[in-house]
């Protein structure tokens, strides 16, 4: 169970770093909606990323009356994103291989359609 939670946290951090690199001015609220997780979970993730020094928050003015934020990946954040990408890809390839084997096994259980004609 702990391993599953750790993988979830790592995947979440990877996805957040990936999106922030693409769109630094993305709001936490928008990101939470995109990822279909709670705003609190995203905020917790952001706090962890900033504590680790992988992301820094920068204020900027979008208009004269509003204050916004940009979340920028630090050099260590960019390096960590590369490591997270490699681990994420490895896990997904392993999952793919397991699913491929399961699909092949299920297909083998089905009757051959060419022989089951009435």
C-alpha atoms as a PDB file:
ATOM      1  CA  UNK A   1       0.000   0.000   0.000  1.00  0.00           C
ATOM      2  CA  UNK A   2       2.786   2.433   0.857  1.00  0.00           C
ATOM      3  CA  UNK A   3       4.496   1.657  -2.446  1.00  0.00           C
ATOM      4  CA  UNK A   4       1.278   2.420  -4.304  1.00  0.00           C
ATOM      5  CA  UNK A   5       0.895   5.738  -2.469  1.00  0.00           C
ATOM      6  CA  UNK A   6       4.524   6.631  -3.205  1.00  0.00           C
ATOM      7  CA  UNK A   7       4.001   5.821  -6.890  1.00  0.00           C
ATOM      8  CA  UNK A   8       0.861   7.971  -6.931  1.00  0.00           C
ATOM      9  CA  UNK A   9       2.735  10.894  -5.346  1.00  0.00           C
ATOM     10  CA  UNK A  10       5.630  10.486  -7.757  1.00  0.00           C
ATOM     11  CA  UNK A  11       3.285  10.319 -10.752  1.00  0.00           C
ATOM     12  CA  UNK A  12       1.428  13.392  -9.517  1.00  0.00           C
ATOM     13  CA  UNK A  13       4.664  15.312  -9.094  1.00  0.00           C
ATOM     14  CA  UNK A  14       5.782  14.232 -12.561  1.00  0.00           C
ATOM     15  CA  UNK A  15       2.507  15.344 -14.148  1.00  0.00           C
ATOM     16  CA  UNK A  16       2.572  18.687 -12.309  1.00  0.00           C
ATOM     17  CA  UNK A  17       6.197  19.364 -13.283  1.00  0.00           C
ATOM     18  CA  UNK A  18       5.382  18.449 -16.866  1.00  0.00           C
ATOM     19  CA  UNK A  19       2.398  20.802 -17.047  1.00  0.00           C
ATOM     20  CA  UNK A  20       4.239  23.644 -15.305  1.00  0.00           C
ATOM     21  CA  UNK A  21       7.097  23.372 -17.759  1.00  0.00           C
ATOM     22  CA  UNK A  22       4.566  23.696 -20.588  1.00  0.00           C
ATOM     23  CA  UNK A  23       2.502  26.447 -18.952  1.00  0.00           C
ATOM     24  CA  UNK A  24       4.153  28.209 -15.971  1.00  0.00           C
ATOM     25  CA  UNK A  25       1.202  30.536 -15.294  1.00  0.00           C
ATOM     26  CA  UNK A  26      -1.249  27.673 -14.894  1.00  0.00           C
ATOM     27  CA  UNK A  27      -3.305  28.077 -11.728  1.00  0.00           C
ATOM     28  CA  UNK A  28      -3.551  25.368  -9.106  1.00  0.00           C
ATOM     29  CA  UNK A  29      -7.321  25.375  -9.529  1.00  0.00           C
ATOM     30  CA  UNK A  30      -7.090  24.813 -13.292  1.00  0.00           C
ATOM     31  CA  UNK A  31      -4.523  22.078 -12.836  1.00  0.00           C
ATOM     32  CA  UNK A  32      -6.702  20.332 -10.235  1.00  0.00           C
ATOM     33  CA  UNK A  33      -9.624  20.366 -12.686  1.00  0.00           C
ATOM     34  CA  UNK A  34      -7.460  19.085 -15.554  1.00  0.00           C
ATOM     35  CA  UNK A  35      -6.100  16.243 -13.446  1.00  0.00           C
ATOM     36  CA  UNK A  36      -9.453  15.528 -11.793  1.00  0.00           C
ATOM     37  CA  UNK A  37      -8.059  15.709  -8.260  1.00  0.00           C
ATOM     38  CA  UNK A  38      -8.817  17.983  -5.349  1.00  0.00           C
ATOM     39  CA  UNK A  39      -7.406  21.480  -5.082  1.00  0.00           C
ATOM     40  CA  UNK A  40      -6.014  20.503  -1.670  1.00  0.00           C
ATOM     41  CA  UNK A  41      -4.047  17.626  -3.224  1.00  0.00           C
ATOM     42  CA  UNK A  42      -2.596  19.943  -5.850  1.00  0.00           C
ATOM     43  CA  UNK A  43      -1.719  22.521  -3.210  1.00  0.00           C
ATOM     44  CA  UNK A  44      -0.003  19.839  -1.110  1.00  0.00           C
ATOM     45  CA  UNK A  45       1.961  18.741  -4.189  1.00  0.00           C
ATOM     46  CA  UNK A  46       2.975  22.332  -4.998  1.00  0.00           C
ATOM     47  CA  UNK A  47       4.158  22.880  -1.430  1.00  0.00           C
ATOM     48  CA  UNK A  48       6.245  19.695  -1.566  1.00  0.00           C
ATOM     49  CA  UNK A  49       7.763  20.686  -4.922  1.00  0.00           C
ATOM     50  CA  UNK A  50       8.677  24.122  -3.588  1.00  0.00           C
ATOM     51  CA  UNK A  51      10.141  22.667  -0.360  1.00  0.00           C
ATOM     52  CA  UNK A  52      12.296  20.322  -2.432  1.00  0.00           C
ATOM     53  CA  UNK A  53      13.481  23.318  -4.442  1.00  0.00           C
ATOM     54  CA  UNK A  54      12.174  21.958  -7.742  1.00  0.00           C
ATOM     55  CA  UNK A  55       9.678  24.765  -8.324  1.00  0.00           C
ATOM     56  CA  UNK A  56       9.749  28.410  -7.377  1.00  0.00           C
ATOM     57  CA  UNK A  57       6.794  30.735  -7.326  1.00  0.00           C
ATOM     58  CA  UNK A  58       7.061  34.133  -8.929  1.00  0.00           C
ATOM     59  CA  UNK A  59       4.521  36.962  -8.653  1.00  0.00           C
ATOM     60  CA  UNK A  60       3.478  38.821 -11.758  1.00  0.00           C
ATOM     61  CA  UNK A  61       0.743  41.307 -12.533  1.00  0.00           C
ATOM     62  CA  UNK A  62      -1.815  40.191 -15.073  1.00  0.00           C
ATOM     63  CA  UNK A  63      -3.649  43.474 -14.820  1.00  0.00           C
ATOM     64  CA  UNK A  64      -3.596  46.555 -12.639  1.00  0.00           C
ATOM     65  CA  UNK A  65      -5.956  44.981 -10.104  1.00  0.00           C
ATOM     66  CA  UNK A  66      -5.025  41.297 -10.019  1.00  0.00           C
ATOM     67  CA  UNK A  67      -1.990  39.499  -8.723  1.00  0.00           C
ATOM     68  CA  UNK A  68      -1.024  36.206 -10.339  1.00  0.00           C
ATOM     69  CA  UNK A  69       1.679  33.607  -9.975  1.00  0.00           C
ATOM     70  CA  UNK A  70       4.005  31.769 -12.288  1.00  0.00           C
ATOM     71  CA  UNK A  71       5.497  28.489 -11.178  1.00  0.00           C
ATOM     72  CA  UNK A  72       8.967  28.026 -12.620  1.00  0.00           C
ATOM     73  CA  UNK A  73      10.983  24.830 -12.623  1.00  0.00           C
ATOM     74  CA  UNK A  74      14.394  25.310 -11.078  1.00  0.00           C
ATOM     75  CA  UNK A  75      17.473  23.644 -12.596  1.00  0.00           C
ATOM     76  CA  UNK A  76      17.160  20.879  -9.979  1.00  0.00           C
ATOM     77  CA  UNK A  77      13.445  20.622 -10.831  1.00  0.00           C
ATOM     78  CA  UNK A  78      14.262  20.139 -14.504  1.00  0.00           C
ATOM     79  CA  UNK A  79      16.812  17.455 -13.628  1.00  0.00           C
ATOM     80  CA  UNK A  80      14.358  15.715 -11.290  1.00  0.00           C
ATOM     81  CA  UNK A  81      11.639  15.863 -13.958  1.00  0.00           C
ATOM     82  CA  UNK A  82      13.973  13.922 -16.259  1.00  0.00           C
ATOM     83  CA  UNK A  83      14.459  11.240 -13.593  1.00  0.00           C
ATOM     84  CA  UNK A  84      10.723  11.111 -12.869  1.00  0.00           C
ATOM     85  CA  UNK A  85      10.037  10.812 -16.604  1.00  0.00           C
ATOM     86  CA  UNK A  86      12.352   7.805 -16.883  1.00  0.00           C
ATOM     87  CA  UNK A  87      10.778   6.067 -13.865  1.00  0.00           C
ATOM     88  CA  UNK A  88       7.245   6.875 -15.047  1.00  0.00           C
ATOM     89  CA  UNK A  89       7.996   5.516 -18.509  1.00  0.00           C
ATOM     90  CA  UNK A  90       9.536   2.343 -17.075  1.00  0.00           C
ATOM     91  CA  UNK A  91       6.462   1.695 -14.880  1.00  0.00           C
ATOM     92  CA  UNK A  92       4.075   2.340 -17.765  1.00  0.00           C
ATOM     93  CA  UNK A  93       6.023   0.014 -20.074  1.00  0.00           C
ATOM     94  CA  UNK A  94       5.861  -2.723 -17.416  1.00  0.00           C
ATOM     95  CA  UNK A  95       2.111  -2.140 -17.041  1.00  0.00           C
ATOM     96  CA  UNK A  96       1.728  -2.261 -20.816  1.00  0.00           C
ATOM     97  CA  UNK A  97       3.610  -5.547 -21.023  1.00  0.00           C
ATOM     98  CA  UNK A  98       1.441  -7.086 -18.275  1.00  0.00           C
ATOM     99  CA  UNK A  99      -1.733  -5.909 -20.023  1.00  0.00           C
ATOM    100  CA  UNK A 100      -0.508  -7.206 -23.380  1.00  0.00           C
ATOM    101  CA  UNK A 101       0.083 -10.654 -21.863  1.00  0.00           C
ATOM    102  CA  UNK A 102      -3.323 -10.608 -20.171  1.00  0.00           C
ATOM    103  CA  UNK A 103      -5.031  -9.630 -23.435  1.00  0.00           C
ATOM    104  CA  UNK A 104      -3.238 -12.410 -25.301  1.00  0.00           C
ATOM    105  CA  UNK A 105      -4.302 -14.939 -22.649  1.00  0.00           C
ATOM    106  CA  UNK A 106      -7.923 -13.779 -22.835  1.00  0.00           C
ATOM    107  CA  UNK A 107      -7.899 -13.904 -26.622  1.00  0.00           C
ATOM    108  CA  UNK A 108      -6.572 -17.456 -26.463  1.00  0.00           C
ATOM    109  CA  UNK A 109      -9.559 -18.411 -24.293  1.00  0.00           C
ATOM    110  CA  UNK A 110     -12.056 -17.224 -26.907  1.00  0.00           C
ATOM    111  CA  UNK A 111     -13.324 -19.767 -29.415  1.00  0.00           C
ATOM    112  CA  UNK A 112     -11.819 -19.411 -32.866  1.00  0.00           C
ATOM    113  CA  UNK A 113     -14.396 -17.421 -34.836  1.00  0.00           C
ATOM    114  CA  UNK A 114     -13.595 -19.178 -38.131  1.00  0.00           C
ATOM    115  CA  UNK A 115     -14.445 -22.583 -36.593  1.00  0.00           C
ATOM    116  CA  UNK A 116     -17.571 -21.504 -34.734  1.00  0.00           C
ATOM    117  CA  UNK A 117     -19.680 -20.651 -37.825  1.00  0.00           C
ATOM    118  CA  UNK A 118     -23.208 -22.103 -37.684  1.00  0.00           C
END
